[in-house]
């Protein structure tokens, strides 16, 4: 009986886990001017340890900053792209991990990059400014809003309800 409850609880936790998020870079930071194109000027899809950067502006992207628990552990698995990681040690700056674009150039624009990371624990920390990330483009910095994970599909909902009913049934039997 206890094994059944433990299994049901484990399945519930697995169904409730939403690891994919989207960051929309659509807000000029402080007094920076926005670009000519419509926002968001960049999106970052984070699914587990895979980051997909979609740059939709002619402005040149130099760096994207995040605040994470252990920045020294994070690195990019492949080196066939112009993106590198760097630990930010400036105590005034509230972000501690940077993705630098255009190692051999002045930056990038209108591009898509998919990066697979090592050492990523899957958790962003909120900065004091209230943003998960900021991106440095040319002479301006833009902040990202986080889009909540999508609502689960009907199959996940039915599985969740089935496991819940199984757990309640087992609990009812236990308490008799």
Protein backbone atom coordinates (compact mmCIF):
# COMPACT_ATOMS: atom_id res chain seq x y z
CA UNK A 1 0.00 0.00 0.00
CA UNK A 2 2.77 2.44 0.90
CA UNK A 3 4.55 1.56 -2.36
CA UNK A 4 1.39 2.41 -4.31
CA UNK A 5 1.07 5.78 -2.59
CA UNK A 6 4.75 6.52 -3.16
CA UNK A 7 4.41 5.60 -6.85
CA UNK A 8 1.28 7.76 -7.22
CA UNK A 9 3.01 10.71 -5.52
CA UNK A 10 6.08 10.32 -7.75
CA UNK A 11 3.93 10.29 -10.88
CA UNK A 12 2.09 13.40 -9.72
CA UNK A 13 5.36 15.25 -9.22
CA UNK A 14 6.56 14.16 -12.64
CA UNK A 15 3.38 15.37 -14.31
CA UNK A 16 3.54 18.74 -12.56
CA UNK A 17 7.15 19.40 -13.63
CA UNK A 18 7.37 22.09 -16.31
CA UNK A 19 11.01 22.60 -17.28
CA UNK A 20 10.52 24.57 -20.51
CA UNK A 21 10.28 28.35 -20.30
CA UNK A 22 10.49 31.21 -22.79
CA UNK A 23 12.20 34.52 -22.11
CA UNK A 24 10.98 37.48 -24.18
CA UNK A 25 13.45 40.37 -24.50
CA UNK A 26 10.93 43.13 -25.03
CA UNK A 27 11.70 45.80 -22.44
CA UNK A 28 14.41 48.48 -22.72
CA UNK A 29 16.41 48.49 -19.50
CA UNK A 30 16.53 51.84 -17.68
CA UNK A 31 16.76 54.71 -20.22
CA UNK A 32 17.83 52.72 -23.31
CA UNK A 33 16.02 53.27 -26.60
CA UNK A 34 14.23 50.33 -28.23
CA UNK A 35 15.12 49.22 -31.78
CA UNK A 36 12.94 49.91 -34.81
CA UNK A 37 11.47 46.38 -35.05
CA UNK A 38 8.49 45.13 -33.08
CA UNK A 39 9.20 43.42 -29.74
CA UNK A 40 10.27 40.92 -28.65
CA UNK A 41 13.67 41.63 -30.17
CA UNK A 42 14.97 38.29 -29.00
CA UNK A 43 13.51 35.15 -27.44
CA UNK A 44 15.27 32.41 -25.52
CA UNK A 45 13.60 29.01 -25.25
CA UNK A 46 15.01 27.03 -22.33
CA UNK A 47 14.13 23.33 -22.36
CA UNK A 48 16.17 21.44 -19.81
CA UNK A 49 19.81 22.17 -20.65
CA UNK A 50 19.11 23.32 -24.24
CA UNK A 51 18.97 27.08 -24.88
CA UNK A 52 17.66 28.36 -28.23
CA UNK A 53 18.36 32.05 -28.91
CA UNK A 54 16.23 33.65 -31.67
CA UNK A 55 17.44 37.17 -32.53
CA UNK A 56 14.82 39.14 -34.52
CA UNK A 57 16.45 42.55 -34.80
CA UNK A 58 19.19 44.22 -36.82
CA UNK A 59 20.74 45.46 -33.58
CA UNK A 60 23.97 43.68 -32.73
CA UNK A 61 23.80 41.26 -29.79
CA UNK A 62 26.95 41.18 -27.70
CA UNK A 63 26.06 39.36 -24.47
CA UNK A 64 23.15 37.81 -22.59
CA UNK A 65 23.30 37.73 -18.79
CA UNK A 66 21.64 35.37 -16.29
CA UNK A 67 21.75 34.91 -12.55
CA UNK A 68 22.25 31.26 -11.56
CA UNK A 69 23.27 29.31 -8.46
CA UNK A 70 26.61 27.92 -9.77
CA UNK A 71 27.88 29.88 -12.80
CA UNK A 72 31.35 28.29 -12.74
CA UNK A 73 29.84 24.86 -13.55
CA UNK A 74 28.04 26.04 -16.72
CA UNK A 75 29.71 25.53 -20.10
CA UNK A 76 28.65 24.92 -23.70
CA UNK A 77 29.04 21.31 -24.90
CA UNK A 78 30.01 22.04 -28.52
CA UNK A 79 32.40 24.70 -29.76
CA UNK A 80 31.18 25.02 -33.36
CA UNK A 81 29.38 28.32 -32.72
CA UNK A 82 30.51 31.86 -31.88
CA UNK A 83 29.06 31.72 -28.34
CA UNK A 84 31.06 31.33 -25.13
CA UNK A 85 30.16 31.36 -21.45
CA UNK A 86 31.79 33.63 -18.89
CA UNK A 87 31.43 34.05 -15.13
CA UNK A 88 30.67 37.68 -14.21
CA UNK A 89 32.43 38.72 -11.01
CA UNK A 90 31.44 42.40 -10.84
CA UNK A 91 29.73 42.77 -7.41
CA UNK A 92 27.72 45.80 -8.62
CA UNK A 93 26.16 43.80 -11.50
CA UNK A 94 23.34 41.50 -10.33
CA UNK A 95 23.97 38.78 -12.95
CA UNK A 96 26.75 36.21 -12.66
CA UNK A 97 26.71 34.22 -15.93
CA UNK A 98 27.19 35.67 -19.42
CA UNK A 99 26.79 34.17 -22.87
CA UNK A 100 29.08 36.19 -25.16
CA UNK A 101 28.16 36.24 -28.86
CA UNK A 102 30.55 36.87 -31.69
CA UNK A 103 33.87 35.81 -30.19
CA UNK A 104 35.59 36.46 -33.53
CA UNK A 105 33.38 39.39 -34.55
CA UNK A 106 31.55 42.38 -33.12
CA UNK A 107 28.41 40.40 -32.26
CA UNK A 108 25.43 38.93 -34.13
CA UNK A 109 21.98 39.91 -35.40
CA UNK A 110 19.06 38.14 -37.13
CA UNK A 111 20.25 34.70 -36.07
CA UNK A 112 19.27 31.55 -34.23
CA UNK A 113 21.61 29.65 -31.95
CA UNK A 114 20.89 26.41 -30.12
CA UNK A 115 23.26 25.64 -27.28
CA UNK A 116 23.47 22.50 -25.18
CA UNK A 117 24.94 23.18 -21.75
CA UNK A 118 26.89 21.14 -19.25
CA UNK A 119 26.63 21.85 -15.53
CA UNK A 120 23.27 23.61 -15.83
CA UNK A 121 21.00 22.91 -12.85
CA UNK A 122 17.91 24.24 -14.61
CA UNK A 123 17.18 27.13 -12.24
CA UNK A 124 17.35 30.88 -12.85
CA UNK A 125 17.51 33.28 -9.92
CA UNK A 126 15.56 36.55 -10.05
CA UNK A 127 17.72 39.67 -10.05
CA UNK A 128 17.08 42.61 -7.74
CA UNK A 129 15.68 44.47 -10.77
CA UNK A 130 13.04 41.75 -11.11
CA UNK A 131 14.27 40.14 -14.35
CA UNK A 132 15.64 36.68 -15.06
CA UNK A 133 17.91 37.95 -17.79
CA UNK A 134 19.17 41.03 -19.64
CA UNK A 135 20.72 41.25 -23.10
CA UNK A 136 23.34 43.75 -24.20
CA UNK A 137 22.76 45.00 -27.76
CA UNK A 138 25.10 47.65 -29.19
CA UNK A 139 24.75 50.53 -26.70
CA UNK A 140 21.53 49.42 -25.03
CA UNK A 141 20.42 46.75 -22.59
CA UNK A 142 17.04 45.03 -22.79
CA UNK A 143 15.37 42.98 -20.08
CA UNK A 144 13.45 39.74 -20.49
CA UNK A 145 9.99 38.84 -19.29
CA UNK A 146 9.31 35.20 -18.56
CA UNK A 147 6.41 33.51 -20.29
CA UNK A 148 4.76 30.92 -18.01
CA UNK A 149 4.87 27.29 -19.16
CA UNK A 150 2.04 26.13 -21.37
CA UNK A 151 -0.99 24.44 -19.86
CA UNK A 152 -0.65 20.65 -20.08
CA UNK A 153 -2.55 18.90 -22.84
CA UNK A 154 -5.63 16.76 -22.20
CA UNK A 155 -3.61 13.53 -22.06
CA UNK A 156 -1.49 14.82 -19.19
CA UNK A 157 -4.58 16.08 -17.39
CA UNK A 158 -6.32 12.71 -17.70
CA UNK A 159 -3.21 10.89 -16.48
CA UNK A 160 -2.98 13.31 -13.54
CA UNK A 161 -6.63 12.68 -12.64
CA UNK A 162 -6.21 8.91 -12.96
CA UNK A 163 -3.17 8.82 -10.69
CA UNK A 164 -4.93 11.11 -8.21
CA UNK A 165 -7.95 8.79 -8.07
CA UNK A 166 -5.67 5.79 -7.61
CA UNK A 167 -3.95 7.53 -4.70
CA UNK A 168 -7.26 8.55 -3.10
CA UNK A 169 -8.59 5.01 -3.45
CA UNK A 170 -5.51 3.58 -1.77
CA UNK A 171 -5.69 6.18 0.99
CA UNK A 172 -9.37 5.33 1.58
CA UNK A 173 -8.48 1.64 1.94
CA UNK A 174 -5.66 2.48 4.34
CA UNK A 175 -7.85 4.59 6.62
CA UNK A 176 -10.60 1.92 6.93
